[in-house]
């Protein structure tokens, strides 16, 4: 049984992650008054993308091994 990802589900997960990271950075900068946090938001987004792609690759590779391929 293969795991299938729909393109819409992947894009929604990436969009949700990006919105969550930006909202977290904005909220933290408002609480602390330190706007350097917003400058680090692109690095957080990049980290989110790398982790997301890594997990998706591991899941698809694992599904291929279970099928025997």
PDB file of N, CA and C in Angstrom:
ATOM      1  N   UNK A   1       0.848  -1.176   0.000  1.00  0.00           N
ATOM      2  CA  UNK A   1       0.000   0.000   0.000  1.00  0.00           C
ATOM      3  C   UNK A   1       0.892   1.237   0.000  1.00  0.00           C
ATOM      4  N   UNK A   2       0.770   2.033  -1.009  1.00  0.00           N
ATOM      5  CA  UNK A   2       1.603   3.219  -1.151  1.00  0.00           C
ATOM      6  C   UNK A   2       0.914   4.425  -0.531  1.00  0.00           C
ATOM      7  N   UNK A   3       1.735   5.294  -0.003  1.00  0.00           N
ATOM      8  CA  UNK A   3       1.214   6.552   0.522  1.00  0.00           C
ATOM      9  C   UNK A   3       1.168   7.538  -0.632  1.00  0.00           C
ATOM     10  N   UNK A   4       0.029   8.092  -0.876  1.00  0.00           N
ATOM     11  CA  UNK A   4      -0.116   9.068  -1.956  1.00  0.00           C
ATOM     12  C   UNK A   4      -0.371  10.438  -1.354  1.00  0.00           C
ATOM     13  N   UNK A   5       0.359  11.418  -1.866  1.00  0.00           N
ATOM     14  CA  UNK A   5       0.195  12.791  -1.423  1.00  0.00           C
ATOM     15  C   UNK A   5      -0.501  13.563  -2.528  1.00  0.00           C
ATOM     16  N   UNK A   6      -1.564  14.231  -2.197  1.00  0.00           N
ATOM     17  CA  UNK A   6      -2.156  15.100  -3.203  1.00  0.00           C
ATOM     18  C   UNK A   6      -1.402  16.429  -3.193  1.00  0.00           C
ATOM     19  N   UNK A   7      -1.309  17.021  -4.331  1.00  0.00           N
ATOM     20  CA  UNK A   7      -0.590  18.285  -4.448  1.00  0.00           C
ATOM     21  C   UNK A   7      -1.240  19.362  -3.592  1.00  0.00           C
ATOM     22  N   UNK A   8      -2.550  19.340  -3.519  1.00  0.00           N
ATOM     23  CA  UNK A   8      -3.273  20.337  -2.723  1.00  0.00           C
ATOM     24  C   UNK A   8      -2.964  20.195  -1.239  1.00  0.00           C
ATOM     25  N   UNK A   9      -2.878  18.954  -0.760  1.00  0.00           N
ATOM     26  CA  UNK A   9      -2.583  18.727   0.656  1.00  0.00           C
ATOM     27  C   UNK A   9      -1.171  19.190   1.001  1.00  0.00           C
ATOM     28  N   UNK A  10      -0.221  18.927   0.117  1.00  0.00           N
ATOM     29  CA  UNK A  10       1.162  19.359   0.349  1.00  0.00           C
ATOM     30  C   UNK A  10       1.249  20.876   0.366  1.00  0.00           C
ATOM     31  N   UNK A  11       0.602  21.534  -0.587  1.00  0.00           N
ATOM     32  CA  UNK A  11       0.639  22.995  -0.637  1.00  0.00           C
ATOM     33  C   UNK A  11      -0.054  23.611   0.577  1.00  0.00           C
ATOM     34  N   UNK A  12      -1.153  23.013   1.021  1.00  0.00           N
ATOM     35  CA  UNK A  12      -1.827  23.531   2.208  1.00  0.00           C
ATOM     36  C   UNK A  12      -0.963  23.366   3.453  1.00  0.00           C
ATOM     37  N   UNK A  13      -0.257  22.250   3.563  1.00  0.00           N
ATOM     38  CA  UNK A  13       0.624  22.051   4.712  1.00  0.00           C
ATOM     39  C   UNK A  13       1.769  23.057   4.698  1.00  0.00           C
ATOM     40  N   UNK A  14       2.349  23.299   3.546  1.00  0.00           N
ATOM     41  CA  UNK A  14       3.423  24.292   3.439  1.00  0.00           C
ATOM     42  C   UNK A  14       2.909  25.695   3.742  1.00  0.00           C
ATOM     43  N   UNK A  15       1.734  26.012   3.240  1.00  0.00           N
ATOM     44  CA  UNK A  15       1.153  27.328   3.486  1.00  0.00           C
ATOM     45  C   UNK A  15       0.843  27.513   4.967  1.00  0.00           C
ATOM     46  N   UNK A  16       0.271  26.492   5.599  1.00  0.00           N
ATOM     47  CA  UNK A  16      -0.016  26.568   7.020  1.00  0.00           C
ATOM     48  C   UNK A  16       1.268  26.766   7.826  1.00  0.00           C
ATOM     49  N   UNK A  17       2.309  26.041   7.479  1.00  0.00           N
ATOM     50  CA  UNK A  17       3.586  26.192   8.178  1.00  0.00           C
ATOM     51  C   UNK A  17       4.162  27.583   8.023  1.00  0.00           C
ATOM     52  N   UNK A  18       4.085  28.127   6.810  1.00  0.00           N
ATOM     53  CA  UNK A  18       4.617  29.470   6.570  1.00  0.00           C
ATOM     54  C   UNK A  18       3.835  30.515   7.358  1.00  0.00           C
ATOM     55  N   UNK A  19       2.514  30.389   7.358  1.00  0.00           N
ATOM     56  CA  UNK A  19       1.694  31.337   8.109  1.00  0.00           C
ATOM     57  C   UNK A  19       1.963  31.217   9.607  1.00  0.00           C
ATOM     58  N   UNK A  20       2.117  29.987  10.080  1.00  0.00           N
ATOM     59  CA  UNK A  20       2.378  29.781  11.506  1.00  0.00           C
ATOM     60  C   UNK A  20       3.716  30.385  11.915  1.00  0.00           C
ATOM     61  N   UNK A  21       4.746  30.211  11.100  1.00  0.00           N
ATOM     62  CA  UNK A  21       6.067  30.753  11.424  1.00  0.00           C
ATOM     63  C   UNK A  21       6.031  32.286  11.408  1.00  0.00           C
ATOM     64  N   UNK A  22       5.401  32.870  10.397  1.00  0.00           N
ATOM     65  CA  UNK A  22       5.329  34.335  10.325  1.00  0.00           C
ATOM     66  C   UNK A  22       4.501  34.917  11.466  1.00  0.00           C
ATOM     67  N   UNK A  23       3.388  34.254  11.803  1.00  0.00           N
ATOM     68  CA  UNK A  23       2.563  34.733  12.914  1.00  0.00           C
ATOM     69  C   UNK A  23       3.319  34.618  14.231  1.00  0.00           C
ATOM     70  N   UNK A  24       4.046  33.546  14.405  1.00  0.00           N
ATOM     71  CA  UNK A  24       4.823  33.370  15.620  1.00  0.00           C
ATOM     72  C   UNK A  24       5.888  34.465  15.734  1.00  0.00           C
ATOM     73  N   UNK A  25       6.565  34.767  14.636  1.00  0.00           N
ATOM     74  CA  UNK A  25       7.598  35.800  14.660  1.00  0.00           C
ATOM     75  C   UNK A  25       6.989  37.178  14.943  1.00  0.00           C
ATOM     76  N   UNK A  26       5.850  37.461  14.326  1.00  0.00           N
ATOM     77  CA  UNK A  26       5.205  38.754  14.552  1.00  0.00           C
ATOM     78  C   UNK A  26       4.735  38.886  16.005  1.00  0.00           C
ATOM     79  N   UNK A  27       4.149  37.833  16.543  1.00  0.00           N
ATOM     80  CA  UNK A  27       3.675  37.868  17.921  1.00  0.00           C
ATOM     81  C   UNK A  27       4.840  38.011  18.897  1.00  0.00           C
ATOM     82  N   UNK A  28       5.924  37.287  18.638  1.00  0.00           N
ATOM     83  CA  UNK A  28       7.090  37.376  19.518  1.00  0.00           C
ATOM     84  C   UNK A  28       7.710  38.763  19.463  1.00  0.00           C
ATOM     85  N   UNK A  29       7.742  39.382  18.274  1.00  0.00           N
ATOM     86  CA  UNK A  29       8.313  40.723  18.182  1.00  0.00           C
ATOM     87  C   UNK A  29       7.429  41.754  18.875  1.00  0.00           C
ATOM     88  N   UNK A  30       6.122  41.554  18.836  1.00  0.00           N
ATOM     89  CA  UNK A  30       5.233  42.469  19.549  1.00  0.00           C
ATOM     90  C   UNK A  30       5.372  42.312  21.062  1.00  0.00           C
ATOM     91  N   UNK A  31       5.538  41.083  21.516  1.00  0.00           N
ATOM     92  CA  UNK A  31       5.670  40.860  22.955  1.00  0.00           C
ATOM     93  C   UNK A  31       6.987  41.406  23.507  1.00  0.00           C
ATOM     94  N   UNK A  32       8.064  41.187  22.772  1.00  0.00           N
ATOM     95  CA  UNK A  32       9.380  41.553  23.285  1.00  0.00           C
ATOM     96  C   UNK A  32       9.806  42.948  22.874  1.00  0.00           C
ATOM     97  N   UNK A  33       9.217  43.479  21.820  1.00  0.00           N
ATOM     98  CA  UNK A  33       9.641  44.778  21.309  1.00  0.00           C
ATOM     99  C   UNK A  33      10.930  44.700  20.505  1.00  0.00           C
ATOM    100  N   UNK A  34      11.414  43.487  20.264  1.00  0.00           N
ATOM    101  CA  UNK A  34      12.636  43.284  19.502  1.00  0.00           C
ATOM    102  C   UNK A  34      12.267  42.838  18.093  1.00  0.00           C
ATOM    103  N   UNK A  35      12.500  43.705  17.134  1.00  0.00           N
ATOM    104  CA  UNK A  35      12.087  43.405  15.768  1.00  0.00           C
ATOM    105  C   UNK A  35      13.141  42.618  14.995  1.00  0.00           C
ATOM    106  N   UNK A  36      14.252  42.263  15.649  1.00  0.00           N
ATOM    107  CA  UNK A  36      15.230  41.398  15.006  1.00  0.00           C
ATOM    108  C   UNK A  36      14.660  39.999  14.794  1.00  0.00           C
ATOM    109  N   UNK A  37      13.655  39.663  15.581  1.00  0.00           N
ATOM    110  CA  UNK A  37      13.006  38.360  15.434  1.00  0.00           C
ATOM    111  C   UNK A  37      12.405  38.244  14.036  1.00  0.00           C
ATOM    112  N   UNK A  38      11.844  39.340  13.535  1.00  0.00           N
ATOM    113  CA  UNK A  38      11.258  39.308  12.193  1.00  0.00           C
ATOM    114  C   UNK A  38      12.312  39.097  11.117  1.00  0.00           C
ATOM    115  N   UNK A  39      13.539  39.542  11.378  1.00  0.00           N
ATOM    116  CA  UNK A  39      14.605  39.338  10.412  1.00  0.00           C
ATOM    117  C   UNK A  39      14.998  37.866  10.321  1.00  0.00           C
ATOM    118  N   UNK A  40      14.757  37.110  11.399  1.00  0.00           N
ATOM    119  CA  UNK A  40      15.085  35.689  11.394  1.00  0.00           C
ATOM    120  C   UNK A  40      13.958  34.818  10.838  1.00  0.00           C
ATOM    121  N   UNK A  41      12.814  35.401  10.558  1.00  0.00           N
ATOM    122  CA  UNK A  41      11.677  34.626  10.059  1.00  0.00           C
ATOM    123  C   UNK A  41      11.988  33.894   8.747  1.00  0.00           C
ATOM    124  N   UNK A  42      12.700  34.510   7.785  1.00  0.00           N
ATOM    125  CA  UNK A  42      13.016  33.743   6.564  1.00  0.00           C
ATOM    126  C   UNK A  42      13.850  32.490   6.846  1.00  0.00           C
ATOM    127  N   UNK A  43      14.739  32.545   7.835  1.00  0.00           N
ATOM    128  CA  UNK A  43      15.509  31.360   8.178  1.00  0.00           C
ATOM    129  C   UNK A  43      14.609  30.285   8.776  1.00  0.00           C
ATOM    130  N   UNK A  44      13.624  30.701   9.555  1.00  0.00           N
ATOM    131  CA  UNK A  44      12.669  29.745  10.108  1.00  0.00           C
ATOM    132  C   UNK A  44      11.840  29.107   9.002  1.00  0.00           C
ATOM    133  N   UNK A  45      11.450  29.908   8.008  1.00  0.00           N
ATOM    134  CA  UNK A  45      10.701  29.360   6.876  1.00  0.00           C
ATOM    135  C   UNK A  45      11.555  28.369   6.093  1.00  0.00           C
ATOM    136  N   UNK A  46      12.815  28.689   5.898  1.00  0.00           N
ATOM    137  CA  UNK A  46      13.705  27.782   5.184  1.00  0.00           C
ATOM    138  C   UNK A  46      13.863  26.475   5.956  1.00  0.00           C
ATOM    139  N   UNK A  47      14.008  26.569   7.270  1.00  0.00           N
ATOM    140  CA  UNK A  47      14.110  25.374   8.101  1.00  0.00           C
ATOM    141  C   UNK A  47      12.838  24.544   8.013  1.00  0.00           C
ATOM    142  N   UNK A  48      11.692  25.200   8.028  1.00  0.00           N
ATOM    143  CA  UNK A  48      10.411  24.503   7.902  1.00  0.00           C
ATOM    144  C   UNK A  48      10.342  23.758   6.573  1.00  0.00           C
ATOM    145  N   UNK A  49      10.758  24.381   5.487  1.00  0.00           N
ATOM    146  CA  UNK A  49      10.733  23.731   4.178  1.00  0.00           C
ATOM    147  C   UNK A  49      11.679  22.531   4.131  1.00  0.00           C
ATOM    148  N   UNK A  50      12.873  22.692   4.664  1.00  0.00           N
ATOM    149  CA  UNK A  50      13.851  21.599   4.648  1.00  0.00           C
ATOM    150  C   UNK A  50      13.332  20.404   5.444  1.00  0.00           C
ATOM    151  N   UNK A  51      12.795  20.653   6.624  1.00  0.00           N
ATOM    152  CA  UNK A  51      12.276  19.559   7.447  1.00  0.00           C
ATOM    153  C   UNK A  51      11.073  18.900   6.767  1.00  0.00           C
ATOM    154  N   UNK A  52      10.204  19.695   6.182  1.00  0.00           N
ATOM    155  CA  UNK A  52       9.022  19.156   5.513  1.00  0.00           C
ATOM    156  C   UNK A  52       9.426  18.268   4.347  1.00  0.00           C
ATOM    157  N   UNK A  53      10.351  18.726   3.531  1.00  0.00           N
ATOM    158  CA  UNK A  53      10.795  17.947   2.373  1.00  0.00           C
ATOM    159  C   UNK A  53      11.513  16.679   2.834  1.00  0.00           C
ATOM    160  N   UNK A  54      12.311  16.772   3.890  1.00  0.00           N
ATOM    161  CA  UNK A  54      13.022  15.611   4.400  1.00  0.00           C
ATOM    162  C   UNK A  54      12.049  14.543   4.893  1.00  0.00           C
ATOM    163  N   UNK A  55      11.038  14.964   5.652  1.00  0.00           N
ATOM    164  CA  UNK A  55      10.049  14.012   6.162  1.00  0.00           C
ATOM    165  C   UNK A  55       9.269  13.387   5.007  1.00  0.00           C
ATOM    166  N   UNK A  56       8.872  14.183   4.030  1.00  0.00           N
ATOM    167  CA  UNK A  56       8.124  13.647   2.888  1.00  0.00           C
ATOM    168  C   UNK A  56       8.978  12.660   2.098  1.00  0.00           C
ATOM    169  N   UNK A  57      10.265  12.951   1.935  1.00  0.00           N
ATOM    170  CA  UNK A  57      11.151  12.040   1.209  1.00  0.00           C
ATOM    171  C   UNK A  57      11.312  10.726   1.974  1.00  0.00           C
ATOM    172  N   UNK A  58      11.446  10.800   3.293  1.00  0.00           N
ATOM    173  CA  UNK A  58      11.590   9.577   4.096  1.00  0.00           C
ATOM    174  C   UNK A  58      10.315   8.742   4.042  1.00  0.00           C
ATOM    175  N   UNK A  59       9.170   9.413   4.062  1.00  0.00           N
ATOM    176  CA  UNK A  59       7.915   8.675   4.015  1.00  0.00           C
ATOM    177  C   UNK A  59       7.738   7.978   2.664  1.00  0.00           C
ATOM    178  N   UNK A  60       8.063   8.673   1.594  1.00  0.00           N
ATOM    179  CA  UNK A  60       7.890   8.069   0.267  1.00  0.00           C
ATOM    180  C   UNK A  60       8.925   6.963   0.047  1.00  0.00           C
ATOM    181  N   UNK A  61      10.126   7.117   0.570  1.00  0.00           N
ATOM    182  CA  UNK A  61      11.132   6.069   0.453  1.00  0.00           C
ATOM    183  C   UNK A  61      10.727   4.842   1.252  1.00  0.00           C
ATOM    184  N   UNK A  62      10.172   5.068   2.434  1.00  0.00           N
ATOM    185  CA  UNK A  62       9.715   3.960   3.254  1.00  0.00           C
ATOM    186  C   UNK A  62       8.564   3.205   2.618  1.00  0.00           C
ATOM    187  N   UNK A  63       7.680   3.925   1.951  1.00  0.00           N
ATOM    188  CA  UNK A  63       6.565   3.291   1.261  1.00  0.00           C
ATOM    189  C   UNK A  63       7.075   2.454   0.092  1.00  0.00           C
ATOM    190  N   UNK A  64       8.119   2.921  -0.580  1.00  0.00           N
ATOM    191  CA  UNK A  64       8.696   2.159  -1.682  1.00  0.00           C
ATOM    192  C   UNK A  64       9.355   0.882  -1.214  1.00  0.00           C
ATOM    193  N   UNK A  65      10.001   0.904  -0.058  1.00  0.00           N
ATOM    194  CA  UNK A  65      10.645  -0.291   0.488  1.00  0.00           C
ATOM    195  C   UNK A  65       9.607  -1.335   0.896  1.00  0.00           C
ATOM    196  N   UNK A  66       8.484  -0.866   1.437  1.00  0.00           N
ATOM    197  CA  UNK A  66       7.445  -1.811   1.872  1.00  0.00           C
ATOM    198  C   UNK A  66       6.797  -2.508   0.659  1.00  0.00           C
ATOM    199  N   UNK A  67       6.747  -1.798  -0.477  1.00  0.00           N
ATOM    200  CA  UNK A  67       6.176  -2.396  -1.678  1.00  0.00           C
ATOM    201  C   UNK A  67       7.115  -3.409  -2.318  1.00  0.00           C
ATOM    202  N   UNK A  68       8.382  -3.297  -1.959  1.00  0.00           N
ATOM    203  CA  UNK A  68       9.356  -4.186  -2.553  1.00  0.00           C
ATOM    204  C   UNK A  68      10.104  -3.549  -3.708  1.00  0.00           C
ATOM    205  N   UNK A  69       9.991  -2.221  -3.825  1.00  0.00           N
ATOM    206  CA  UNK A  69      10.621  -1.531  -4.959  1.00  0.00           C
ATOM    207  C   UNK A  69      11.787  -0.788  -4.581  1.00  0.00           C
TER     208      UNK A  69
END
